[in-house]
Amino acid sequence: MKIQVKRIYEKKAPGDGARVLVDRVWPRGITKEAAALTSWQKEVAPSAALRKWFRHDPARWEEFKKKYRRELDNNAEQVACLKKVLGKGRATLLYGARDEVHNHAVVLADYLKENGG
């Protein structure tokens, strides 16, 4: 499987493959039609407590990655569900955050690649 990550505000591209939103909250200003989702897997997003603690603060990035990976380890059922939705072809994890470097979708993509995704 080839996984890429991009903001949901970017237009759908022919090479996106399965388009999966991995945020707990629906992104502002995006219609379901514009999102063109294959699935919305909000259960694999960071917990509300972790998201609030992180606040997209780059100074907390390394610790956030560790904590989020622990959450994913403890959420094997939902991770397996996400893998099933993504399939074996090309897939795009979509997120709404402004920061393209310090966001949970980047961590999730790496996690999936390292764990047989």
PDB file of N, CA and C in Angstrom:
ATOM      1  N   MET A   1       0.839  -1.177   0.000  1.00  0.00           N
ATOM      2  CA  MET A   1       0.000   0.000   0.000  1.00  0.00           C
ATOM      3  C   MET A   1       0.883   1.239   0.000  1.00  0.00           C
ATOM      4  N   LYS A   2       0.508   2.196  -0.792  1.00  0.00           N
ATOM      5  CA  LYS A   2       1.223   3.470  -0.812  1.00  0.00           C
ATOM      6  C   LYS A   2       0.319   4.512  -0.152  1.00  0.00           C
ATOM      7  N   ILE A   3       0.804   5.095   0.950  1.00  0.00           N
ATOM      8  CA  ILE A   3       0.015   6.059   1.709  1.00  0.00           C
ATOM      9  C   ILE A   3       0.606   7.440   1.549  1.00  0.00           C
ATOM     10  N   GLN A   4      -0.251   8.391   1.232  1.00  0.00           N
ATOM     11  CA  GLN A   4       0.155   9.789   1.225  1.00  0.00           C
ATOM     12  C   GLN A   4      -0.741  10.564   2.179  1.00  0.00           C
ATOM     13  N   VAL A   5      -0.297  11.742   2.526  1.00  0.00           N
ATOM     14  CA  VAL A   5      -1.016  12.583   3.481  1.00  0.00           C
ATOM     15  C   VAL A   5      -1.226  13.942   2.840  1.00  0.00           C
ATOM     16  N   LYS A   6      -2.450  14.481   2.970  1.00  0.00           N
ATOM     17  CA  LYS A   6      -2.670  15.840   2.488  1.00  0.00           C
ATOM     18  C   LYS A   6      -3.851  16.483   3.191  1.00  0.00           C
ATOM     19  N   ARG A   7      -3.860  17.799   3.133  1.00  0.00           N
ATOM     20  CA  ARG A   7      -4.958  18.550   3.745  1.00  0.00           C
ATOM     21  C   ARG A   7      -6.237  18.304   2.963  1.00  0.00           C
ATOM     22  N   ILE A   8      -7.322  18.238   3.671  1.00  0.00           N
ATOM     23  CA  ILE A   8      -8.605  17.998   3.030  1.00  0.00           C
ATOM     24  C   ILE A   8      -9.010  19.175   2.140  1.00  0.00           C
ATOM     25  N   TYR A   9      -8.401  20.328   2.365  1.00  0.00           N
ATOM     26  CA  TYR A   9      -8.720  21.521   1.583  1.00  0.00           C
ATOM     27  C   TYR A   9      -8.101  21.490   0.187  1.00  0.00           C
ATOM     28  N   GLU A  10      -7.196  20.551  -0.053  1.00  0.00           N
ATOM     29  CA  GLU A  10      -6.637  20.382  -1.397  1.00  0.00           C
ATOM     30  C   GLU A  10      -7.648  19.604  -2.234  1.00  0.00           C
ATOM     31  N   LYS A  11      -7.707  19.921  -3.522  1.00  0.00           N
ATOM     32  CA  LYS A  11      -8.672  19.242  -4.392  1.00  0.00           C
ATOM     33  C   LYS A  11      -8.315  17.779  -4.588  1.00  0.00           C
ATOM     34  N   LYS A  12      -9.348  17.001  -4.826  1.00  0.00           N
ATOM     35  CA  LYS A  12      -9.152  15.587  -5.120  1.00  0.00           C
ATOM     36  C   LYS A  12      -8.297  15.456  -6.376  1.00  0.00           C
ATOM     37  N   ALA A  13      -7.363  14.510  -6.332  1.00  0.00           N
ATOM     38  CA  ALA A  13      -6.479  14.267  -7.471  1.00  0.00           C
ATOM     39  C   ALA A  13      -6.666  12.827  -7.950  1.00  0.00           C
ATOM     40  N   PRO A  14      -6.422  12.577  -9.224  1.00  0.00           N
ATOM     41  CA  PRO A  14      -6.598  11.223  -9.752  1.00  0.00           C
ATOM     42  C   PRO A  14      -5.766  10.167  -9.014  1.00  0.00           C
ATOM     43  N   GLY A  15      -4.615  10.536  -8.488  1.00  0.00           N
ATOM     44  CA  GLY A  15      -3.751   9.578  -7.812  1.00  0.00           C
ATOM     45  C   GLY A  15      -4.013   9.404  -6.332  1.00  0.00           C
ATOM     46  N   ASP A  16      -5.110   9.970  -5.816  1.00  0.00           N
ATOM     47  CA  ASP A  16      -5.383   9.890  -4.382  1.00  0.00           C
ATOM     48  C   ASP A  16      -5.716   8.475  -3.908  1.00  0.00           C
ATOM     49  N   GLY A  17      -6.347   7.695  -4.736  1.00  0.00           N
ATOM     50  CA  GLY A  17      -6.797   6.377  -4.291  1.00  0.00           C
ATOM     51  C   GLY A  17      -7.897   6.538  -3.260  1.00  0.00           C
ATOM     52  N   ALA A  18      -7.907   5.654  -2.270  1.00  0.00           N
ATOM     53  CA  ALA A  18      -8.894   5.750  -1.198  1.00  0.00           C
ATOM     54  C   ALA A  18      -8.630   7.023  -0.404  1.00  0.00           C
ATOM     55  N   ARG A  19      -9.653   7.861  -0.236  1.00  0.00           N
ATOM     56  CA  ARG A  19      -9.523   9.126   0.494  1.00  0.00           C
ATOM     57  C   ARG A  19     -10.208   8.975   1.851  1.00  0.00           C
ATOM     58  N   VAL A  20      -9.386   9.027   2.906  1.00  0.00           N
ATOM     59  CA  VAL A  20      -9.906   8.752   4.242  1.00  0.00           C
ATOM     60  C   VAL A  20      -9.607   9.926   5.169  1.00  0.00           C
ATOM     61  N   LEU A  21     -10.667  10.513   5.687  1.00  0.00           N
ATOM     62  CA  LEU A  21     -10.521  11.583   6.671  1.00  0.00           C
ATOM     63  C   LEU A  21     -10.215  10.943   8.018  1.00  0.00           C
ATOM     64  N   VAL A  22      -9.142  11.417   8.676  1.00  0.00           N
ATOM     65  CA  VAL A  22      -8.719  10.826   9.947  1.00  0.00           C
ATOM     66  C   VAL A  22      -8.765  11.843  11.086  1.00  0.00           C
ATOM     67  N   ASP A  23      -9.669  12.801  10.996  1.00  0.00           N
ATOM     68  CA  ASP A  23      -9.900  13.789  12.064  1.00  0.00           C
ATOM     69  C   ASP A  23     -11.152  13.401  12.836  1.00  0.00           C
ATOM     70  N   ARG A  24     -11.190  13.748  14.119  1.00  0.00           N
ATOM     71  CA  ARG A  24     -12.394  13.497  14.929  1.00  0.00           C
ATOM     72  C   ARG A  24     -13.522  14.462  14.593  1.00  0.00           C
ATOM     73  N   VAL A  25     -13.141  15.664  14.183  1.00  0.00           N
ATOM     74  CA  VAL A  25     -14.114  16.722  13.933  1.00  0.00           C
ATOM     75  C   VAL A  25     -14.134  17.029  12.434  1.00  0.00           C
ATOM     76  N   TRP A  26     -15.335  17.202  11.889  1.00  0.00           N
ATOM     77  CA  TRP A  26     -15.450  17.535  10.464  1.00  0.00           C
ATOM     78  C   TRP A  26     -14.815  18.906  10.213  1.00  0.00           C
ATOM     79  N   PRO A  27     -13.980  19.035   9.180  1.00  0.00           N
ATOM     80  CA  PRO A  27     -13.295  20.307   8.904  1.00  0.00           C
ATOM     81  C   PRO A  27     -14.255  21.408   8.443  1.00  0.00           C
ATOM     82  N   ARG A  28     -14.003  22.595   8.924  1.00  0.00           N
ATOM     83  CA  ARG A  28     -14.849  23.746   8.576  1.00  0.00           C
ATOM     84  C   ARG A  28     -14.778  24.060   7.087  1.00  0.00           C
ATOM     85  N   GLY A  29     -15.934  24.423   6.552  1.00  0.00           N
ATOM     86  CA  GLY A  29     -15.996  24.903   5.180  1.00  0.00           C
ATOM     87  C   GLY A  29     -15.897  23.843   4.102  1.00  0.00           C
ATOM     88  N   ILE A  30     -15.916  22.579   4.456  1.00  0.00           N
ATOM     89  CA  ILE A  30     -15.809  21.501   3.472  1.00  0.00           C
ATOM     90  C   ILE A  30     -17.142  20.760   3.398  1.00  0.00           C
ATOM     91  N   THR A  31     -17.656  20.645   2.191  1.00  0.00           N
ATOM     92  CA  THR A  31     -18.878  19.857   2.008  1.00  0.00           C
ATOM     93  C   THR A  31     -18.498  18.394   1.802  1.00  0.00           C
ATOM     94  N   LYS A  32     -19.454  17.515   2.007  1.00  0.00           N
ATOM     95  CA  LYS A  32     -19.190  16.096   1.777  1.00  0.00           C
ATOM     96  C   LYS A  32     -18.842  15.842   0.314  1.00  0.00           C
ATOM     97  N   GLU A  33     -19.461  16.586  -0.574  1.00  0.00           N
ATOM     98  CA  GLU A  33     -19.182  16.418  -1.997  1.00  0.00           C
ATOM     99  C   GLU A  33     -17.737  16.830  -2.312  1.00  0.00           C
ATOM    100  N   ALA A  34     -17.296  17.965  -1.772  1.00  0.00           N
ATOM    101  CA  ALA A  34     -15.932  18.441  -2.018  1.00  0.00           C
ATOM    102  C   ALA A  34     -14.899  17.505  -1.397  1.00  0.00           C
ATOM    103  N   ALA A  35     -15.236  16.908  -0.264  1.00  0.00           N
ATOM    104  CA  ALA A  35     -14.303  16.006   0.412  1.00  0.00           C
ATOM    105  C   ALA A  35     -14.069  14.731  -0.402  1.00  0.00           C
ATOM    106  N   ALA A  36     -15.086  14.283  -1.096  1.00  0.00           N
ATOM    107  CA  ALA A  36     -14.999  13.075  -1.929  1.00  0.00           C
ATOM    108  C   ALA A  36     -14.350  11.913  -1.173  1.00  0.00           C
ATOM    109  N   LEU A  37     -14.886  11.624   0.002  1.00  0.00           N
ATOM    110  CA  LEU A  37     -14.290  10.621   0.874  1.00  0.00           C
ATOM    111  C   LEU A  37     -14.686   9.201   0.505  1.00  0.00           C
ATOM    112  N   THR A  38     -13.755   8.309   0.743  1.00  0.00           N
ATOM    113  CA  THR A  38     -14.046   6.888   0.735  1.00  0.00           C
ATOM    114  C   THR A  38     -14.613   6.520   2.099  1.00  0.00           C
ATOM    115  N   SER A  39     -14.044   7.141   3.143  1.00  0.00           N
ATOM    116  CA  SER A  39     -14.461   6.838   4.507  1.00  0.00           C
ATOM    117  C   SER A  39     -14.007   7.940   5.458  1.00  0.00           C
ATOM    118  N   TRP A  40     -14.684   8.031   6.596  1.00  0.00           N
ATOM    119  CA  TRP A  40     -14.277   8.928   7.683  1.00  0.00           C
ATOM    120  C   TRP A  40     -13.970   8.043   8.880  1.00  0.00           C
ATOM    121  N   GLN A  41     -12.708   7.949   9.238  1.00  0.00           N
ATOM    122  CA  GLN A  41     -12.267   7.073  10.318  1.00  0.00           C
ATOM    123  C   GLN A  41     -11.846   7.911  11.530  1.00  0.00           C
ATOM    124  N   LYS A  42     -12.803   8.541  12.171  1.00  0.00           N
ATOM    125  CA  LYS A  42     -12.494   9.443  13.281  1.00  0.00           C
ATOM    126  C   LYS A  42     -11.974   8.724  14.510  1.00  0.00           C
ATOM    127  N   GLU A  43     -12.225   7.428  14.620  1.00  0.00           N
ATOM    128  CA  GLU A  43     -11.806   6.678  15.804  1.00  0.00           C
ATOM    129  C   GLU A  43     -10.288   6.499  15.903  1.00  0.00           C
ATOM    130  N   VAL A  44      -9.558   6.708  14.799  1.00  0.00           N
ATOM    131  CA  VAL A  44      -8.096   6.578  14.839  1.00  0.00           C
ATOM    132  C   VAL A  44      -7.404   7.913  15.097  1.00  0.00           C
ATOM    133  N   ALA A  45      -8.174   8.972  15.186  1.00  0.00           N
ATOM    134  CA  ALA A  45      -7.602  10.297  15.480  1.00  0.00           C
ATOM    135  C   ALA A  45      -7.162  10.338  16.945  1.00  0.00           C
ATOM    136  N   PRO A  46      -6.283  11.265  17.289  1.00  0.00           N
ATOM    137  CA  PRO A  46      -5.874  11.382  18.704  1.00  0.00           C
ATOM    138  C   PRO A  46      -7.078  11.682  19.596  1.00  0.00           C
ATOM    139  N   SER A  47      -6.985  11.244  20.827  1.00  0.00           N
ATOM    140  CA  SER A  47      -8.049  11.521  21.789  1.00  0.00           C
ATOM    141  C   SER A  47      -8.205  13.034  21.964  1.00  0.00           C
ATOM    142  N   ALA A  48      -9.361  13.445  22.428  1.00  0.00           N
ATOM    143  CA  ALA A  48      -9.601  14.870  22.662  1.00  0.00           C
ATOM    144  C   ALA A  48      -8.587  15.429  23.651  1.00  0.00           C
ATOM    145  N   ALA A  49      -8.272  14.661  24.677  1.00  0.00           N
ATOM    146  CA  ALA A  49      -7.312  15.127  25.689  1.00  0.00           C
ATOM    147  C   ALA A  49      -5.928  15.333  25.077  1.00  0.00           C
ATOM    148  N   LEU A  50      -5.489  14.401  24.248  1.00  0.00           N
ATOM    149  CA  LEU A  50      -4.172  14.532  23.617  1.00  0.00           C
ATOM    150  C   LEU A  50      -4.159  15.688  22.634  1.00  0.00           C
ATOM    151  N   ARG A  51      -5.214  15.822  21.854  1.00  0.00           N
ATOM    152  CA  ARG A  51      -5.303  16.918  20.883  1.00  0.00           C
ATOM    153  C   ARG A  51      -5.253  18.271  21.584  1.00  0.00           C
ATOM    154  N   LYS A  52      -5.975  18.400  22.684  1.00  0.00           N
ATOM    155  CA  LYS A  52      -5.979  19.668  23.430  1.00  0.00           C
ATOM    156  C   LYS A  52      -4.618  19.941  24.059  1.00  0.00           C
ATOM    157  N   TRP A  53      -3.962  18.899  24.556  1.00  0.00           N
ATOM    158  CA  TRP A  53      -2.636  19.070  25.148  1.00  0.00           C
ATOM    159  C   TRP A  53      -1.635  19.535  24.091  1.00  0.00           C
ATOM    160  N   PHE A  54      -1.684  18.936  22.910  1.00  0.00           N
ATOM    161  CA  PHE A  54      -0.721  19.235  21.843  1.00  0.00           C
ATOM    162  C   PHE A  54      -0.889  20.652  21.275  1.00  0.00           C
ATOM    163  N   ARG A  55      -2.106  21.025  20.947  1.00  0.00           N
ATOM    164  CA  ARG A  55      -2.412  22.341  20.369  1.00  0.00           C
ATOM    165  C   ARG A  55      -1.505  22.707  19.181  1.00  0.00           C
ATOM    166  N   HIS A  56      -1.046  21.728  18.455  1.00  0.00           N
ATOM    167  CA  HIS A  56      -0.168  21.941  17.287  1.00  0.00           C
ATOM    168  C   HIS A  56       1.049  22.790  17.630  1.00  0.00           C
ATOM    169  N   ASP A  57       1.557  22.590  18.826  1.00  0.00           N
ATOM    170  CA  ASP A  57       2.745  23.295  19.295  1.00  0.00           C
ATOM    171  C   ASP A  57       3.978  22.484  18.886  1.00  0.00           C
ATOM    172  N   PRO A  58       4.799  22.993  17.961  1.00  0.00           N
ATOM    173  CA  PRO A  58       5.978  22.241  17.514  1.00  0.00           C
ATOM    174  C   PRO A  58       6.911  21.835  18.662  1.00  0.00           C
ATOM    175  N   ALA A  59       6.914  22.596  19.747  1.00  0.00           N
ATOM    176  CA  ALA A  59       7.755  22.247  20.895  1.00  0.00           C
ATOM    177  C   ALA A  59       7.287  20.954  21.561  1.00  0.00           C
ATOM    178  N   ARG A  60       6.039  20.577  21.351  1.00  0.00           N
ATOM    179  CA  ARG A  60       5.481  19.355  21.944  1.00  0.00           C
ATOM    180  C   ARG A  60       5.439  18.198  20.950  1.00  0.00           C
ATOM    181  N   TRP A  61       5.952  18.397  19.754  1.00  0.00           N
ATOM    182  CA  TRP A  61       5.831  17.440  18.663  1.00  0.00           C
ATOM    183  C   TRP A  61       6.384  16.057  19.010  1.00  0.00           C
ATOM    184  N   GLU A  62       7.609  15.982  19.494  1.00  0.00           N
ATOM    185  CA  GLU A  62       8.219  14.681  19.777  1.00  0.00           C
ATOM    186  C   GLU A  62       7.420  13.910  20.831  1.00  0.00           C
ATOM    187  N   GLU A  63       6.998  14.593  21.874  1.00  0.00           N
ATOM    188  CA  GLU A  63       6.204  13.938  22.919  1.00  0.00           C
ATOM    189  C   GLU A  63       4.827  13.552  22.390  1.00  0.00           C
ATOM    190  N   PHE A  64       4.239  14.409  21.553  1.00  0.00           N
ATOM    191  CA  PHE A  64       2.944  14.097  20.943  1.00  0.00           C
ATOM    192  C   PHE A  64       3.033  12.810  20.131  1.00  0.00           C
ATOM    193  N   LYS A  65       4.079  12.675  19.326  1.00  0.00           N
ATOM    194  CA  LYS A  65       4.235  11.470  18.504  1.00  0.00           C
ATOM    195  C   LYS A  65       4.269  10.213  19.372  1.00  0.00           C
ATOM    196  N   LYS A  66       5.005  10.252  20.455  1.00  0.00           N
ATOM    197  CA  LYS A  66       5.087   9.096  21.353  1.00  0.00           C
ATOM    198  C   LYS A  66       3.724   8.776  21.956  1.00  0.00           C
ATOM    199  N   LYS A  67       3.032   9.804  22.443  1.00  0.00           N
ATOM    200  CA  LYS A  67       1.730   9.598  23.076  1.00  0.00           C
ATOM    201  C   LYS A  67       0.689   9.097  22.074  1.00  0.00           C
ATOM    202  N   TYR A  68       0.702   9.653  20.884  1.00  0.00           N
ATOM    203  CA  TYR A  68      -0.272   9.239  19.876  1.00  0.00           C
ATOM    204  C   TYR A  68      -0.006   7.803  19.426  1.00  0.00           C
ATOM    205  N   ARG A  69       1.250   7.436  19.276  1.00  0.00           N
ATOM    206  CA  ARG A  69       1.584   6.063  18.914  1.00  0.00           C
ATOM    207  C   ARG A  69       1.116   5.084  19.992  1.00  0.00           C
ATOM    208  N   ARG A  70       1.226   5.481  21.258  1.00  0.00           N
ATOM    209  CA  ARG A  70       0.715   4.643  22.348  1.00  0.00           C
ATOM    210  C   ARG A  70      -0.798   4.470  22.217  1.00  0.00           C
ATOM    211  N   GLU A  71      -1.483   5.579  21.893  1.00  0.00           N
ATOM    212  CA  GLU A  71      -2.935   5.478  21.691  1.00  0.00           C
ATOM    213  C   GLU A  71      -3.251   4.514  20.545  1.00  0.00           C
ATOM    214  N   LEU A  72      -2.487   4.595  19.469  1.00  0.00           N
ATOM    215  CA  LEU A  72      -2.721   3.696  18.337  1.00  0.00           C
ATOM    216  C   LEU A  72      -2.457   2.243  18.721  1.00  0.00           C
ATOM    217  N   ASP A  73      -1.396   2.012  19.486  1.00  0.00           N
ATOM    218  CA  ASP A  73      -1.099   0.653  19.960  1.00  0.00           C
ATOM    219  C   ASP A  73      -2.266   0.092  20.768  1.00  0.00           C
ATOM    220  N   ASN A  74      -2.926   0.947  21.524  1.00  0.00           N
ATOM    221  CA  ASN A  74      -4.046   0.528  22.370  1.00  0.00           C
ATOM    222  C   ASN A  74      -5.390   0.546  21.633  1.00  0.00           C
ATOM    223  N   ASN A  75      -5.361   0.865  20.354  1.00  0.00           N
ATOM    224  CA  ASN A  75      -6.580   0.972  19.554  1.00  0.00           C
ATOM    225  C   ASN A  75      -6.462   0.074  18.314  1.00  0.00           C
ATOM    226  N   ALA A  76      -5.941  -1.133  18.525  1.00  0.00           N
ATOM    227  CA  ALA A  76      -5.635  -2.044  17.418  1.00  0.00           C
ATOM    228  C   ALA A  76      -6.856  -2.351  16.547  1.00  0.00           C
ATOM    229  N   GLU A  77      -8.024  -2.445  17.151  1.00  0.00           N
ATOM    230  CA  GLU A  77      -9.235  -2.764  16.387  1.00  0.00           C
ATOM    231  C   GLU A  77      -9.542  -1.683  15.351  1.00  0.00           C
ATOM    232  N   GLN A  78      -9.438  -0.423  15.765  1.00  0.00           N
ATOM    233  CA  GLN A  78      -9.722   0.679  14.843  1.00  0.00           C
ATOM    234  C   GLN A  78      -8.616   0.835  13.795  1.00  0.00           C
ATOM    235  N   VAL A  79      -7.379   0.562  14.184  1.00  0.00           N
ATOM    236  CA  VAL A  79      -6.272   0.606  13.222  1.00  0.00           C
ATOM    237  C   VAL A  79      -6.484  -0.472  12.160  1.00  0.00           C
ATOM    238  N   ALA A  80      -6.905  -1.657  12.584  1.00  0.00           N
ATOM    239  CA  ALA A  80      -7.185  -2.743  11.635  1.00  0.00           C
ATOM    240  C   ALA A  80      -8.329  -2.362  10.695  1.00  0.00           C
ATOM    241  N   CYS A  81      -9.328  -1.706  11.224  1.00  0.00           N
ATOM    242  CA  CYS A  81     -10.455  -1.235  10.407  1.00  0.00           C
ATOM    243  C   CYS A  81      -9.965  -0.239   9.364  1.00  0.00           C
ATOM    244  N   LEU A  82      -9.101   0.681   9.781  1.00  0.00           N
ATOM    245  CA  LEU A  82      -8.542   1.665   8.846  1.00  0.00           C
ATOM    246  C   LEU A  82      -7.745   0.969   7.753  1.00  0.00           C
ATOM    247  N   LYS A  83      -6.924   0.006   8.121  1.00  0.00           N
ATOM    248  CA  LYS A  83      -6.124  -0.728   7.127  1.00  0.00           C
ATOM    249  C   LYS A  83      -7.019  -1.400   6.103  1.00  0.00           C
ATOM    250  N   LYS A  84      -8.133  -1.949   6.567  1.00  0.00           N
ATOM    251  CA  LYS A  84      -9.078  -2.610   5.661  1.00  0.00           C
ATOM    252  C   LYS A  84      -9.669  -1.597   4.676  1.00  0.00           C
ATOM    253  N   VAL A  85     -10.025  -0.411   5.177  1.00  0.00           N
ATOM    254  CA  VAL A  85     -10.590   0.636   4.316  1.00  0.00           C
ATOM    255  C   VAL A  85      -9.547   1.101   3.293  1.00  0.00           C
ATOM    256  N   LEU A  86      -8.303   1.231   3.727  1.00  0.00           N
ATOM    257  CA  LEU A  86      -7.246   1.710   2.838  1.00  0.00           C
ATOM    258  C   LEU A  86      -6.927   0.712   1.740  1.00  0.00           C
ATOM    259  N   GLY A  87      -7.078  -0.561   2.030  1.00  0.00           N
ATOM    260  CA  GLY A  87      -6.817  -1.587   1.032  1.00  0.00           C
ATOM    261  C   GLY A  87      -5.332  -1.730   0.732  1.00  0.00           C
ATOM    262  N   LYS A  88      -5.037  -2.280  -0.432  1.00  0.00           N
ATOM    263  CA  LYS A  88      -3.654  -2.566  -0.797  1.00  0.00           C
ATOM    264  C   LYS A  88      -3.090  -1.586  -1.823  1.00  0.00           C
ATOM    265  N   GLY A  89      -3.931  -0.751  -2.383  1.00  0.00           N
ATOM    266  CA  GLY A  89      -3.479   0.192  -3.403  1.00  0.00           C
ATOM    267  C   GLY A  89      -3.029   1.515  -2.816  1.00  0.00           C
ATOM    268  N   ARG A  90      -3.189   2.547  -3.583  1.00  0.00           N
ATOM    269  CA  ARG A  90      -2.830   3.906  -3.159  1.00  0.00           C
ATOM    270  C   ARG A  90      -3.923   4.439  -2.243  1.00  0.00           C
ATOM    271  N   ALA A  91      -3.513   5.197  -1.221  1.00  0.00           N
ATOM    272  CA  ALA A  91      -4.473   5.770  -0.283  1.00  0.00           C
ATOM    273  C   ALA A  91      -3.980   7.128   0.202  1.00  0.00           C
ATOM    274  N   THR A  92      -4.929   7.984   0.546  1.00  0.00           N
ATOM    275  CA  THR A  92      -4.610   9.321   1.040  1.00  0.00           C
ATOM    276  C   THR A  92      -5.300   9.532   2.379  1.00  0.00           C
ATOM    277  N   LEU A  93      -4.485   9.849   3.399  1.00  0.00           N
ATOM    278  CA  LEU A  93      -5.022  10.223   4.704  1.00  0.00           C
ATOM    279  C   LEU A  93      -5.244  11.729   4.681  1.00  0.00           C
ATOM    280  N   LEU A  94      -6.444  12.158   4.996  1.00  0.00           N
ATOM    281  CA  LEU A  94      -6.806  13.572   4.946  1.00  0.00           C
ATOM    282  C   LEU A  94      -6.971  14.135   6.348  1.00  0.00           C
ATOM    283  N   TYR A  95      -6.529  15.367   6.521  1.00  0.00           N
ATOM    284  CA  TYR A  95      -6.613  16.048   7.819  1.00  0.00           C
ATOM    285  C   TYR A  95      -6.938  17.509   7.575  1.00  0.00           C
ATOM    286  N   GLY A  96      -7.375  18.205   8.611  1.00  0.00           N
ATOM    287  CA  GLY A  96      -7.761  19.600   8.460  1.00  0.00           C
ATOM    288  C   GLY A  96      -6.775  20.610   9.008  1.00  0.00           C
ATOM    289  N   ALA A  97      -5.808  20.186   9.788  1.00  0.00           N
ATOM    290  CA  ALA A  97      -4.871  21.120  10.434  1.00  0.00           C
ATOM    291  C   ALA A  97      -4.112  21.968   9.421  1.00  0.00           C
ATOM    292  N   ARG A  98      -3.741  23.177   9.833  1.00  0.00           N
ATOM    293  CA  ARG A  98      -2.973  24.066   8.953  1.00  0.00           C
ATOM    294  C   ARG A  98      -1.524  23.629   8.818  1.00  0.00           C
ATOM    295  N   ASP A  99      -0.961  23.117   9.905  1.00  0.00           N
ATOM    296  CA  ASP A  99       0.441  22.717   9.923  1.00  0.00           C
ATOM    297  C   ASP A  99       0.604  21.401   9.168  1.00  0.00           C
ATOM    298  N   GLU A 100       1.326  21.454   8.060  1.00  0.00           N
ATOM    299  CA  GLU A 100       1.485  20.273   7.222  1.00  0.00           C
ATOM    300  C   GLU A 100       2.581  19.337   7.710  1.00  0.00           C
ATOM    301  N   VAL A 101       3.361  19.760   8.683  1.00  0.00           N
ATOM    302  CA  VAL A 101       4.464  18.954   9.196  1.00  0.00           C
ATOM    303  C   VAL A 101       4.126  18.344  10.554  1.00  0.00           C
ATOM    304  N   HIS A 102       3.544  19.160  11.424  1.00  0.00           N
ATOM    305  CA  HIS A 102       3.250  18.736  12.799  1.00  0.00           C
ATOM    306  C   HIS A 102       1.761  18.431  12.960  1.00  0.00           C
ATOM    307  N   ASN A 103       1.330  17.296  12.404  1.00  0.00           N
ATOM    308  CA  ASN A 103      -0.063  16.896  12.556  1.00  0.00           C
ATOM    309  C   ASN A 103      -0.161  15.381  12.682  1.00  0.00           C
ATOM    310  N   HIS A 104      -1.249  14.935  13.246  1.00  0.00           N
ATOM    311  CA  HIS A 104      -1.401  13.510  13.552  1.00  0.00           C
ATOM    312  C   HIS A 104      -1.437  12.611  12.322  1.00  0.00           C
ATOM    313  N   ALA A 105      -1.887  13.116  11.178  1.00  0.00           N
ATOM    314  CA  ALA A 105      -1.958  12.278   9.983  1.00  0.00           C
ATOM    315  C   ALA A 105      -0.561  11.835   9.537  1.00  0.00           C
ATOM    316  N   VAL A 106       0.423  12.692   9.737  1.00  0.00           N
ATOM    317  CA  VAL A 106       1.815  12.346   9.415  1.00  0.00           C
ATOM    318  C   VAL A 106       2.264  11.184  10.297  1.00  0.00           C
ATOM    319  N   VAL A 107       1.956  11.268  11.576  1.00  0.00           N
ATOM    320  CA  VAL A 107       2.309  10.205  12.526  1.00  0.00           C
ATOM    321  C   VAL A 107       1.576   8.914  12.167  1.00  0.00           C
ATOM    322  N   LEU A 108       0.311   9.043  11.861  1.00  0.00           N
ATOM    323  CA  LEU A 108      -0.506   7.875  11.522  1.00  0.00           C
ATOM    324  C   LEU A 108       0.019   7.188  10.269  1.00  0.00           C
ATOM    325  N   ALA A 109       0.372   7.939   9.248  1.00  0.00           N
ATOM    326  CA  ALA A 109       0.912   7.353   8.017  1.00  0.00           C
ATOM    327  C   ALA A 109       2.197   6.583   8.310  1.00  0.00           C
ATOM    328  N   ASP A 110       3.097   7.168   9.077  1.00  0.00           N
ATOM    329  CA  ASP A 110       4.338   6.481   9.444  1.00  0.00           C
ATOM    330  C   ASP A 110       4.035   5.216  10.241  1.00  0.00           C
ATOM    331  N   TYR A 111       3.114   5.321  11.171  1.00  0.00           N
ATOM    332  CA  TYR A 111       2.724   4.181  12.000  1.00  0.00           C
ATOM    333  C   TYR A 111       2.202   3.034  11.124  1.00  0.00           C
ATOM    334  N   LEU A 112       1.344   3.355  10.177  1.00  0.00           N
ATOM    335  CA  LEU A 112       0.791   2.329   9.300  1.00  0.00           C
ATOM    336  C   LEU A 112       1.874   1.681   8.446  1.00  0.00           C
ATOM    337  N   LYS A 113       2.783   2.486   7.923  1.00  0.00           N
ATOM    338  CA  LYS A 113       3.863   1.952   7.094  1.00  0.00           C
ATOM    339  C   LYS A 113       4.767   1.031   7.906  1.00  0.00           C
ATOM    340  N   GLU A 114       5.012   1.378   9.149  1.00  0.00           N
ATOM    341  CA  GLU A 114       5.882   0.575  10.022  1.00  0.00           C
ATOM    342  C   GLU A 114       5.190  -0.684  10.530  1.00  0.00           C
ATOM    343  N   ASN A 115       3.864  -0.680  10.510  1.00  0.00           N
ATOM    344  CA  ASN A 115       3.103  -1.792  11.068  1.00  0.00           C
ATOM    345  C   ASN A 115       2.279  -2.521  10.011  1.00  0.00           C
ATOM    346  N   GLY A 116       2.870  -2.705   8.870  1.00  0.00           N
ATOM    347  CA  GLY A 116       2.241  -3.507   7.827  1.00  0.00           C
ATOM    348  C   GLY A 116       1.117  -2.850   7.072  1.00  0.00           C
ATOM    349  N   GLY A 117       1.150  -1.508   7.018  1.00  0.00           N
ATOM    350  CA  GLY A 117       0.093  -0.805   6.290  1.00  0.00           C
ATOM    351  C   GLY A 117       0.457  -0.569   4.865  1.00  0.00           C
TER     352      GLY A 117
END
